[in-house]
Amino acid sequence: MEAEDAGGRLERTILDLLAQREEGRTICPSDAARAAWSGPDTEGWRELMEPARQAAQRLVEAGEVEVTQRGEVVDLPTARGPVRIRRAAPRSR
């Protein structure tokens, strides 16, 4: 996967994976990395882990998703350890 294409593809993959899950269910950034990886190396998806986290952060900034740890929303840039991604809660108007 070309680097310049990886970001947009990972964003779409995250949203597609979440659309396939019930409301409130989460995915791991590795789910998106694995789904987006298309190379011959079966472990190559690991190279997409940081780009997947970056894609998740862009989606947070767009209001599309939330990033959690142990069920609590966290700030992805400062989060340490495993995180999960879920659709953002609807905002009241």
Foldseek 3Di string as FASTA:
>chain_A
DDPVVLLVQLLVLLVVVQVPDDAPDWAWLLVSLQVSDDDPDNPVSVVCSVSNLVSLLVCVVVQFKFKDDPPDGDDSVPDDDTIIIHGHDDDDD
